[in-house]
Amino acid sequence: MDYDAMDGLEDVGPRVTVRRALRDRADFTMENIDLAFANSLRRTILAEVPTMAIDLVEVQVNTSSLADEFIAHRLGLIPLNSKNVDDVSYTRDCDNCEQYCEYCSVTLHLHARCTGDEIMKVYARDLVAEDPRPNEWVGQPIITDSQGLGSVICKLRQNQEIRMKCIAKKGIAKEHAKWAPTSAVGFEYDPHNKLKHLDYWYEEDPEKEWPKSANAAWEEAAQDGEAFDYSAQPSKFYFDVESVGNLEPDAVVLQGIKVMQQKLALVIQELSGDDRDGDVDGLGGPRSPDGMHGGEYGMDQGYTTPFGNAGGQTMYGGGTTPYNATPCPAGHNKLLGLQRPERRTQGLTERASSVERQRSLCLFFETARSLSLKSVAANLVLQDTIERIFIEDVYTDISRGIFLVRGENVLLLGEIDLDKDDYIPEPYRKASAEEVHALTVRKSQASKRADKVRRTKLQELGFEAEHNGEILF
């Protein structure tokens, strides 16, 4: 990693200063960005930078003292070279195979047998990558020790043998830690605590009990008697990225920024209603496990595990939430038996596509709350949301903006008939939000009083009140 000093640059826009760059570690600062962006970059580096790791192990012979699963776990944690990992396809995106092939994986072989009296150690260097591979780097075990041995896999006694076939695949640490590109990411801002984001606990003197970090030398401390600026925001952040060896630290940071660009591009695509297939502006990007995000929204998928996750499905069996054209007029909550207080949310979805017309959709939850949606998927985006709250004989509309909803929380989904929605049946009338809130509070208090009276009467009759039983050990 070579960096040239750049002097005379204007302090406009994001700025990166590399303080120290080693083979496995990079210490740098980022300025003129906000805390949300800096923390997002940290989290992305930790969990969403794609790397290579052994994902499948075919055990042919194992007479060692370690179980097959134990050795397979150790093999998965051996860092593999992930340079130019973009040349490797995700297994679920590969059109050439169903499980693995030369385009979406790297095959490594491990064969060792102890023939002497001394205990034999099997190292990472004994893993041999098989050609062809997507490129000349990916899949090679990372060996950093001076002896050139690598990590210890197992030990063998005389006549013990292991023979295994290992399949390395592309993935991210959000699915499993074996795909983590870093062992740690140091992150700090405001080392003098001028913003008062930290409340130190101390016994006598916080300056002695909480010594400043080395980053404090890069900023000025607060002056005595200096007025506190309530509008101040952190703008300088200190990063210390330590790689495990599969990627150089500067490549890890660049990949993290690229992943953030891809995710933001997908969000913009969803919000703008762009229905084009494929990547956004040619960005391929890492994929989140289907079991965690359950579908198509936000981050695309692209992982396979030994358990054969099919993707696109939730724990309830469906990958998307289908909807029909059932009208959802005012007063629908009476038909569904929703209780205290009845709530409904409606909203018009704005789509740039000339094929799909504007729709007003109604979405119900188990909590009797309902929202509108922009696109139907396992996870939903609700845009221009209006929540309609019914209480007694009045209702009010409250603007809620944009919602992100997990698909499994949806109870019912239907399309609103706009003509019927304009007609509010008797005896409902529109009221202000303050009036509806006051009625809601009053009804809640009355319900609590009624519950208290009911519990008192039950106790007088000898029944034990709810949530008042003894705990048996």
Protein backbone atom coordinates (compact mmCIF):
# COMPACT_ATOMS: atom_id res chain seq x y z
CA MET A 1 0.00 0.00 0.00
CA ASP A 2 1.62 3.21 -1.16
CA TYR A 3 0.21 6.60 -0.29
CA ASP A 4 1.46 9.96 -1.54
CA ALA A 5 1.27 13.06 0.60
CA MET A 6 -1.24 15.57 -0.78
CA ASP A 7 -0.76 19.11 0.45
CA GLY A 8 -2.68 22.23 -0.33
CA LEU A 9 -6.07 20.52 -0.62
CA GLU A 10 -9.12 22.50 0.32
CA ASP A 11 -10.99 21.21 3.35
CA VAL A 12 -14.18 20.62 1.39
CA GLY A 13 -16.08 17.34 1.37
CA PRO A 14 -14.97 14.06 2.98
CA ARG A 15 -11.28 13.82 3.70
CA VAL A 16 -9.18 10.77 4.62
CA THR A 17 -5.80 10.96 6.34
CA VAL A 18 -3.78 7.73 6.54
CA ARG A 19 -1.68 7.83 9.70
CA ARG A 20 -0.19 4.35 9.51
CA ALA A 21 -0.38 1.62 6.88
CA LEU A 22 0.96 -1.89 7.44
CA ARG A 23 0.40 -5.17 5.64
CA ASP A 24 -2.40 -6.19 7.98
CA ARG A 25 -3.38 -2.92 9.61
CA ALA A 26 -4.47 0.58 8.56
CA ASP A 27 -4.86 3.54 10.91
CA PHE A 28 -6.61 6.55 9.37
CA THR A 29 -8.98 9.43 10.06
CA MET A 30 -12.09 10.55 8.18
CA GLU A 31 -13.26 14.16 8.36
CA ASN A 32 -16.23 16.21 7.17
CA ILE A 33 -18.69 13.32 7.46
CA ASP A 34 -21.43 12.68 10.00
CA LEU A 35 -21.63 10.04 12.70
CA ALA A 36 -24.24 7.98 10.85
CA PHE A 37 -22.02 7.57 7.79
CA ALA A 38 -18.91 6.77 9.84
CA ASN A 39 -20.70 4.14 11.93
CA SER A 40 -22.34 2.65 8.83
CA LEU A 41 -18.91 2.25 7.25
CA ARG A 42 -17.63 0.54 10.41
CA ARG A 43 -20.55 -1.89 10.48
CA THR A 44 -20.24 -2.59 6.75
CA ILE A 45 -16.53 -3.36 7.05
CA LEU A 46 -17.24 -5.76 9.90
CA ALA A 47 -20.15 -7.64 8.38
CA GLU A 48 -20.71 -7.09 4.66
CA VAL A 49 -17.40 -7.14 2.80
CA PRO A 50 -17.33 -10.35 0.71
CA THR A 51 -14.47 -12.82 1.17
CA MET A 52 -13.70 -16.48 0.52
CA ALA A 53 -13.95 -19.21 3.16
CA ILE A 54 -14.36 -22.99 3.22
CA ASP A 55 -18.09 -23.68 3.34
CA LEU A 56 -18.41 -27.38 2.46
CA VAL A 57 -16.16 -30.24 3.61
CA GLU A 58 -16.40 -33.75 2.16
CA VAL A 59 -14.73 -36.12 4.62
CA GLN A 60 -13.24 -39.13 2.86
CA VAL A 61 -10.96 -40.44 5.62
CA ASN A 62 -10.60 -39.28 9.21
CA THR A 63 -8.90 -41.54 11.75
CA SER A 64 -7.64 -38.69 13.92
CA SER A 65 -8.84 -38.08 17.46
CA LEU A 66 -10.97 -35.10 16.33
CA ALA A 67 -14.53 -35.43 15.09
CA ASP A 68 -15.39 -34.58 11.49
CA GLU A 69 -17.44 -31.54 12.53
CA PHE A 70 -14.61 -30.22 14.68
CA ILE A 71 -12.09 -30.33 11.84
CA ALA A 72 -14.62 -28.86 9.40
CA HIS A 73 -15.16 -25.92 11.75
CA ARG A 74 -11.40 -25.32 12.01
CA LEU A 75 -11.05 -25.48 8.24
CA GLY A 76 -13.78 -22.87 7.82
CA LEU A 77 -11.88 -20.41 10.03
CA ILE A 78 -8.63 -20.57 8.02
CA PRO A 79 -8.26 -17.25 6.13
CA LEU A 80 -8.18 -17.66 2.35
CA ASN A 81 -6.85 -15.15 -0.12
CA SER A 82 -9.78 -13.03 -1.36
CA LYS A 83 -7.99 -10.70 -3.76
CA ASN A 84 -10.25 -9.78 -6.69
CA VAL A 85 -13.07 -11.73 -5.06
CA ASP A 86 -15.48 -10.00 -7.43
CA ASP A 87 -14.33 -12.52 -10.07
CA VAL A 88 -16.12 -15.23 -8.06
CA SER A 89 -19.88 -15.59 -8.46
CA TYR A 90 -22.24 -16.23 -5.60
CA THR A 91 -23.41 -19.83 -5.65
CA ARG A 92 -27.09 -18.95 -5.89
CA ASP A 93 -26.36 -16.62 -8.82
CA CYS A 94 -24.29 -19.16 -10.73
CA ASP A 95 -26.01 -20.40 -13.89
CA ASN A 96 -23.48 -23.18 -14.45
CA CYS A 97 -24.22 -25.37 -11.43
CA GLU A 98 -26.62 -26.15 -8.62
CA GLN A 99 -24.15 -26.54 -5.75
CA TYR A 100 -20.64 -25.47 -6.75
CA CYS A 101 -18.37 -25.20 -9.77
CA GLU A 102 -15.16 -23.46 -10.88
CA TYR A 103 -17.02 -20.17 -11.41
CA CYS A 104 -18.52 -19.86 -7.92
CA SER A 105 -16.08 -21.80 -5.73
CA VAL A 106 -12.54 -22.97 -5.19
CA THR A 107 -11.75 -26.61 -4.42
CA LEU A 108 -8.99 -27.43 -1.94
CA HIS A 109 -7.67 -30.87 -1.00
CA LEU A 110 -6.20 -31.94 2.33
CA HIS A 111 -4.40 -35.26 2.67
CA ALA A 112 -2.03 -36.10 5.52
CA ARG A 113 -0.86 -39.37 7.09
CA CYS A 114 1.50 -39.92 10.01
CA THR A 115 3.99 -42.72 9.39
CA GLY A 116 6.54 -42.01 12.13
CA ASP A 117 6.61 -42.31 15.89
CA GLU A 118 6.48 -38.57 16.52
CA ILE A 119 3.24 -36.59 16.60
CA MET A 120 2.60 -34.96 13.24
CA LYS A 121 0.97 -31.54 12.93
CA VAL A 122 -1.21 -30.71 9.94
CA TYR A 123 -1.00 -27.07 8.91
CA ALA A 124 -2.87 -24.73 6.59
CA ARG A 125 0.02 -25.05 4.11
CA ASP A 126 -1.11 -28.65 3.51
CA LEU A 127 -4.28 -27.36 1.84
CA VAL A 128 -3.76 -27.52 -1.93
CA ALA A 129 -5.96 -25.39 -4.21
CA GLU A 130 -7.17 -27.11 -7.34
CA ASP A 131 -7.22 -25.47 -10.77
CA PRO A 132 -9.07 -24.04 -12.60
CA ARG A 133 -10.01 -21.10 -10.36
CA PRO A 134 -11.72 -17.74 -11.02
CA ASN A 135 -8.29 -16.09 -10.75
CA GLU A 136 -4.77 -16.94 -9.59
CA TRP A 137 -5.19 -15.55 -6.05
CA VAL A 138 -8.54 -16.59 -4.58
CA GLY A 139 -8.65 -19.67 -2.39
CA GLN A 140 -4.99 -19.89 -1.40
CA PRO A 141 -4.53 -20.27 2.40
CA ILE A 142 -3.09 -17.17 4.07
CA ILE A 143 0.24 -17.96 5.78
CA THR A 144 1.89 -15.14 7.71
CA ASP A 145 4.23 -16.87 10.14
CA SER A 146 7.97 -16.84 9.52
CA GLN A 147 8.13 -20.64 9.16
CA GLY A 148 5.54 -20.63 6.39
CA LEU A 149 3.34 -23.19 8.10
CA GLY A 150 0.03 -21.40 8.75
CA SER A 151 -2.64 -22.35 11.24
CA VAL A 152 -2.61 -25.78 12.90
CA ILE A 153 -5.54 -27.89 11.70
CA CYS A 154 -5.01 -31.04 13.77
CA LYS A 155 -2.42 -33.47 15.12
CA LEU A 156 -1.91 -37.08 14.00
CA ARG A 157 -0.34 -40.05 15.71
CA GLN A 158 1.25 -42.99 13.93
CA ASN A 159 -0.98 -44.53 11.22
CA GLN A 160 -3.66 -41.84 11.65
CA GLU A 161 -4.82 -40.18 8.43
CA ILE A 162 -7.15 -37.47 7.16
CA ARG A 163 -8.29 -36.97 3.57
CA MET A 164 -10.81 -34.23 2.86
CA LYS A 165 -12.16 -32.22 -0.05
CA CYS A 166 -12.95 -28.60 0.85
CA ILE A 167 -15.17 -26.23 -1.13
CA ALA A 168 -14.52 -22.52 -0.55
CA LYS A 169 -17.32 -20.10 -1.42
CA LYS A 170 -17.92 -16.38 -1.39
CA GLY A 171 -19.86 -14.88 1.51
CA ILE A 172 -20.04 -12.16 4.16
CA ALA A 173 -19.62 -12.15 7.93
CA LYS A 174 -23.30 -11.32 8.46
CA GLU A 175 -23.98 -14.96 7.62
CA HIS A 176 -20.98 -16.49 9.39
CA ALA A 177 -17.89 -15.11 11.12
CA LYS A 178 -15.60 -17.22 8.93
CA TRP A 179 -16.20 -14.69 6.13
CA ALA A 180 -15.09 -11.75 8.31
CA PRO A 181 -12.34 -9.69 6.60
CA THR A 182 -11.21 -8.08 9.87
CA SER A 183 -10.38 -9.25 13.35
CA ALA A 184 -11.24 -5.82 14.79
CA VAL A 185 -12.17 -2.31 13.71
CA GLY A 186 -11.17 0.40 16.16
CA PHE A 187 -13.51 3.40 16.07
CA GLU A 188 -13.43 6.62 18.07
CA TYR A 189 -14.51 10.24 17.88
CA ASP A 190 -14.32 13.24 20.19
CA PRO A 191 -11.45 11.83 22.32
CA HIS A 192 -11.71 14.79 24.75
CA ASN A 193 -15.47 14.21 25.21
CA LYS A 194 -16.24 17.83 24.40
CA LEU A 195 -19.65 16.81 23.06
CA LYS A 196 -20.54 15.08 26.35
CA HIS A 197 -21.70 11.92 24.62
CA LEU A 198 -20.06 9.94 27.43
CA ASP A 199 -20.95 10.22 31.08
CA TYR A 200 -17.89 8.95 32.95
CA TRP A 201 -18.33 7.07 36.20
CA TYR A 202 -15.51 7.85 38.57
CA GLU A 203 -14.62 7.80 42.26
CA GLU A 204 -12.34 10.81 42.65
CA ASP A 205 -10.83 12.26 39.47
CA PRO A 206 -12.13 11.34 35.98
CA GLU A 207 -8.95 12.63 34.31
CA LYS A 208 -6.85 10.05 36.19
CA GLU A 209 -9.33 7.21 36.10
CA TRP A 210 -10.20 7.69 32.40
CA PRO A 211 -6.94 8.44 30.58
CA LYS A 212 -7.18 9.90 27.10
CA SER A 213 -6.42 7.76 24.06
CA ALA A 214 -3.62 8.45 21.62
CA ASN A 215 -6.16 10.14 19.33
CA ALA A 216 -6.50 12.99 21.80
CA ALA A 217 -3.23 14.42 20.46
CA TRP A 218 -4.97 15.06 17.12
CA GLU A 219 -7.59 17.41 18.58
CA GLU A 220 -7.63 20.40 20.89
CA ALA A 221 -9.06 19.96 24.36
CA ALA A 222 -11.89 22.12 25.61
CA GLN A 223 -10.74 25.42 27.12
CA ASP A 224 -11.58 26.34 30.71
CA GLY A 225 -14.78 28.33 30.83
CA GLU A 226 -15.63 27.54 27.20
CA ALA A 227 -19.37 27.61 26.58
CA PHE A 228 -20.96 24.31 25.60
CA ASP A 229 -22.17 24.21 22.00
CA TYR A 230 -25.46 22.31 21.97
CA SER A 231 -25.57 22.21 18.16
CA ALA A 232 -22.06 20.75 17.74
CA GLN A 233 -21.78 17.45 15.88
CA PRO A 234 -18.77 15.12 15.51
CA SER A 235 -17.05 15.47 12.15
CA LYS A 236 -13.71 13.70 12.67
CA PHE A 237 -13.49 9.96 13.21
CA TYR A 238 -10.57 7.64 13.94
CA PHE A 239 -10.43 4.17 12.39
CA ASP A 240 -8.00 1.34 13.08
CA VAL A 241 -8.73 -1.57 10.73
CA GLU A 242 -6.96 -4.87 11.40
CA SER A 243 -7.27 -7.45 8.64
CA VAL A 244 -7.14 -11.21 9.17
CA GLY A 245 -5.01 -11.47 6.03
CA ASN A 246 -7.51 -12.47 3.37
CA LEU A 247 -7.66 -8.85 2.13
CA GLU A 248 -5.30 -5.94 2.59
CA PRO A 249 -6.74 -3.35 4.99
CA ASP A 250 -7.03 -0.64 2.34
CA ALA A 251 -8.93 -3.08 0.11
CA VAL A 252 -11.26 -3.86 3.02
CA VAL A 253 -12.11 -0.16 3.44
CA LEU A 254 -12.62 0.36 -0.29
CA GLN A 255 -14.86 -2.70 -0.49
CA GLY A 256 -16.86 -1.40 2.47
CA ILE A 257 -17.45 1.93 0.70
CA LYS A 258 -18.43 0.07 -2.47
CA VAL A 259 -20.95 -2.06 -0.57
CA MET A 260 -22.51 1.08 0.94
CA GLN A 261 -22.81 2.61 -2.53
CA GLN A 262 -24.54 -0.51 -3.81
CA LYS A 263 -27.03 -0.58 -0.92
CA LEU A 264 -27.84 3.12 -1.29
CA ALA A 265 -28.30 2.66 -5.03
CA LEU A 266 -30.80 -0.13 -4.37
CA VAL A 267 -32.71 2.04 -1.89
CA ILE A 268 -32.84 4.89 -4.42
CA GLN A 269 -34.02 2.44 -7.07
CA GLU A 270 -36.83 1.22 -4.82
CA LEU A 271 -37.93 4.71 -3.79
CA SER A 272 -37.83 6.02 -7.35
CA GLY A 273 -39.90 3.12 -8.62
CA ASP A 274 -37.27 1.95 -11.11
CA ASP A 275 -38.28 -1.60 -11.99
CA ARG A 276 -35.27 -2.44 -14.12
CA ASP A 277 -33.91 -5.93 -13.60
CA GLY A 278 -30.33 -6.60 -12.65
CA ASP A 279 -27.79 -4.61 -10.75
CA VAL A 280 -27.98 -0.90 -10.25
CA ASP A 281 -25.43 0.83 -12.47
CA GLY A 282 -23.59 -2.43 -12.79
CA LEU A 283 -23.06 -2.88 -9.06
CA GLY A 284 -23.02 -6.54 -8.10
CA GLY A 285 -22.59 -6.27 -4.36
CA PRO A 286 -22.68 -8.67 -1.44
CA ARG A 287 -25.89 -10.39 -0.52
CA SER A 288 -27.56 -10.85 2.82
CA PRO A 289 -28.69 -14.32 3.90
CA ASP A 290 -32.30 -15.06 2.95
CA GLY A 291 -33.11 -16.35 6.40
CA MET A 292 -32.26 -12.97 7.91
CA HIS A 293 -33.94 -10.64 5.47
CA GLY A 294 -36.44 -12.95 3.91
CA GLY A 295 -36.81 -11.76 0.36
CA GLU A 296 -36.05 -9.14 -2.19
CA TYR A 297 -36.21 -5.77 -0.47
CA GLY A 298 -33.16 -3.69 0.26
CA MET A 299 -30.21 -6.04 -0.12
CA ASP A 300 -30.21 -8.77 -2.69
CA GLN A 301 -29.47 -12.36 -1.81
CA GLY A 302 -26.55 -14.51 -2.80
CA TYR A 303 -25.51 -17.07 -0.27
CA THR A 304 -25.65 -20.78 -0.07
CA THR A 305 -24.93 -22.86 2.99
CA PRO A 306 -24.50 -26.57 3.57
CA PHE A 307 -28.15 -26.60 4.64
CA GLY A 308 -29.34 -25.64 1.15
CA ASN A 309 -31.27 -22.49 1.91
CA ALA A 310 -33.62 -22.00 -0.99
CA GLY A 311 -34.01 -18.27 -0.54
CA GLY A 312 -37.00 -16.07 -1.12
CA GLN A 313 -39.10 -17.75 1.55
CA THR A 314 -40.03 -16.92 5.08
CA MET A 315 -40.64 -19.20 8.03
CA TYR A 316 -44.31 -19.17 7.07
CA GLY A 317 -43.63 -20.61 3.63
CA GLY A 318 -44.09 -17.61 1.37
CA GLY A 319 -41.43 -15.47 -0.22
CA THR A 320 -43.75 -12.55 -0.89
CA THR A 321 -47.02 -11.29 0.49
CA PRO A 322 -49.69 -11.64 -2.23
CA TYR A 323 -52.54 -9.18 -2.28
CA ASN A 324 -55.86 -8.96 -4.04
CA ALA A 325 -58.19 -6.18 -5.06
CA THR A 326 -60.49 -6.42 -2.04
CA PRO A 327 -61.69 -2.91 -1.23
CA CYS A 328 -60.78 -1.54 2.16
CA PRO A 329 -63.38 1.21 2.76
CA ALA A 330 -63.87 3.28 5.87
CA GLY A 331 -65.50 1.29 8.63
CA HIS A 332 -63.78 -1.94 7.53
CA ASN A 333 -62.52 -2.48 11.06
CA LYS A 334 -66.01 -3.32 12.27
CA LEU A 335 -66.18 -6.21 9.83
CA LEU A 336 -62.83 -7.57 11.00
CA GLY A 337 -63.62 -7.23 14.68
CA LEU A 338 -60.70 -4.97 15.53
CA GLN A 339 -60.84 -3.51 19.03
CA ARG A 340 -59.53 -0.63 21.08
CA PRO A 341 -58.66 1.58 19.39
CA GLU A 342 -59.47 0.83 15.76
CA ARG A 343 -56.70 2.05 13.47
CA ARG A 344 -56.26 2.12 9.72
CA THR A 345 -53.60 3.65 7.54
CA GLN A 346 -53.88 4.46 3.90
CA GLY A 347 -51.61 6.15 1.41
CA LEU A 348 -51.05 6.69 -2.29
CA THR A 349 -47.91 5.12 -3.68
CA GLU A 350 -46.11 7.19 -6.28
CA ARG A 351 -44.46 5.08 -9.00
CA ALA A 352 -42.42 6.41 -11.91
CA SER A 353 -43.48 3.50 -14.10
CA SER A 354 -46.11 4.33 -16.70
CA VAL A 355 -47.38 0.75 -16.65
CA GLU A 356 -48.51 0.59 -13.05
CA ARG A 357 -51.19 3.02 -11.93
CA GLN A 358 -51.31 4.71 -8.56
CA ARG A 359 -52.86 2.60 -5.85
CA SER A 360 -54.13 3.13 -2.36
CA LEU A 361 -53.46 0.06 -0.28
CA CYS A 362 -54.44 -0.98 3.22
CA LEU A 363 -52.25 -3.16 5.44
CA PHE A 364 -53.31 -4.77 8.74
CA PHE A 365 -51.16 -6.02 11.61
CA GLU A 366 -51.92 -8.22 14.59
CA THR A 367 -51.85 -5.06 16.72
CA ALA A 368 -54.83 -3.66 14.79
CA ARG A 369 -52.55 -1.17 13.12
CA SER A 370 -52.42 -0.81 9.36
CA LEU A 371 -50.10 0.86 6.87
CA SER A 372 -49.83 1.40 3.14
CA LEU A 373 -47.11 -0.08 0.95
CA LYS A 374 -45.06 0.84 -2.10
CA SER A 375 -43.90 -2.59 -3.24
CA VAL A 376 -45.03 -6.05 -2.19
CA ALA A 377 -42.18 -8.24 -0.91
CA ALA A 378 -41.18 -10.10 2.21
CA ASN A 379 -40.13 -6.73 3.61
CA LEU A 380 -42.29 -3.74 2.72
CA VAL A 381 -41.65 -0.07 2.03
CA LEU A 382 -44.55 2.22 2.90
CA GLN A 383 -44.44 5.68 1.35
CA ASP A 384 -46.59 8.78 2.00
CA THR A 385 -48.24 6.92 4.85
CA ILE A 386 -51.38 8.25 6.55
CA GLU A 387 -52.66 6.56 9.68
CA ARG A 388 -56.41 6.80 10.28
CA ILE A 389 -57.36 6.32 13.93
CA PHE A 390 -60.95 5.51 14.92
CA ILE A 391 -62.19 6.02 18.46
CA GLU A 392 -65.86 5.93 19.43
CA ASP A 393 -67.66 7.96 16.73
CA VAL A 394 -64.74 10.11 15.53
CA TYR A 395 -61.58 9.58 13.50
CA THR A 396 -58.49 11.52 12.47
CA ASP A 397 -55.74 11.20 9.85
CA ILE A 398 -52.09 11.50 10.90
CA SER A 399 -49.22 11.69 8.41
CA ARG A 400 -46.54 9.09 9.20
CA GLY A 401 -44.10 9.40 6.24
CA ILE A 402 -42.07 6.32 5.26
CA PHE A 403 -42.25 2.96 7.08
CA LEU A 404 -40.11 -0.16 6.76
CA VAL A 405 -42.14 -3.24 7.72
CA ARG A 406 -41.06 -6.86 8.18
CA GLY A 407 -43.29 -9.08 6.08
CA GLU A 408 -44.11 -11.58 8.84
CA ASN A 409 -45.83 -8.81 10.83
CA VAL A 410 -48.50 -8.36 8.14
CA LEU A 411 -51.90 -9.79 9.04
CA LEU A 412 -54.02 -8.64 6.08
CA LEU A 413 -53.44 -6.65 2.91
CA GLY A 414 -56.01 -5.19 0.56
CA GLU A 415 -56.49 -2.45 -2.02
CA ILE A 416 -58.59 0.57 -1.06
CA ASP A 417 -61.50 1.66 -3.22
CA LEU A 418 -60.88 5.41 -3.43
CA ASP A 419 -64.52 6.17 -4.28
CA LYS A 420 -65.79 4.37 -1.20
CA ASP A 421 -63.01 5.80 0.93
CA ASP A 422 -64.26 9.34 0.27
CA TYR A 423 -67.57 8.42 1.91
CA ILE A 424 -67.41 8.16 5.68
CA PRO A 425 -70.48 6.29 7.01
CA GLU A 426 -72.52 7.45 9.95
CA PRO A 427 -72.00 8.05 12.81
CA TYR A 428 -68.30 8.78 12.19
CA ARG A 429 -67.09 12.35 11.89
CA LYS A 430 -63.60 13.76 11.39
CA ALA A 431 -61.96 15.36 14.42
CA SER A 432 -58.62 16.89 15.30
CA ALA A 433 -55.69 14.77 16.41
CA GLU A 434 -55.81 16.37 19.87
CA GLU A 435 -59.46 15.40 20.37
CA VAL A 436 -58.85 11.82 19.25
CA HIS A 437 -55.81 11.55 21.52
CA ALA A 438 -57.81 12.84 24.49
CA LEU A 439 -60.56 10.28 23.80
CA THR A 440 -57.98 7.50 23.50
CA VAL A 441 -56.41 8.40 26.85
CA ARG A 442 -59.83 8.65 28.48
CA LYS A 443 -60.89 5.27 27.10
CA SER A 444 -57.63 3.66 28.24
CA GLN A 445 -58.06 5.04 31.76
CA ALA A 446 -61.68 3.85 31.90
CA SER A 447 -60.59 0.38 30.77
CA LYS A 448 -57.95 0.25 33.50
CA ARG A 449 -60.50 1.25 36.14
CA ALA A 450 -62.92 -1.41 34.91
CA ASP A 451 -60.19 -4.04 35.01
CA LYS A 452 -59.30 -3.04 38.54
CA VAL A 453 -62.94 -3.34 39.67
CA ARG A 454 -63.20 -6.74 37.98
CA ARG A 455 -60.06 -8.04 39.70
CA THR A 456 -61.30 -6.75 43.08
CA LYS A 457 -64.64 -8.55 42.71
CA LEU A 458 -62.90 -11.76 41.64
CA GLN A 459 -60.66 -11.63 44.71
CA GLU A 460 -63.72 -11.13 46.96
CA LEU A 461 -65.21 -14.29 45.45
CA GLY A 462 -62.00 -16.23 46.13
CA PHE A 463 -60.48 -16.11 42.68
CA GLU A 464 -56.84 -15.18 42.39
CA ALA A 465 -56.10 -12.07 40.37
CA GLU A 466 -54.29 -12.35 37.05
CA HIS A 467 -50.48 -12.13 37.12
CA ASN A 468 -50.53 -12.49 40.91
CA GLY A 469 -49.57 -16.12 41.35
CA GLU A 470 -46.65 -17.44 43.36
CA ILE A 471 -43.44 -18.41 41.61
CA LEU A 472 -42.51 -21.99 42.30
CA PHE A 473 -38.88 -23.06 42.22
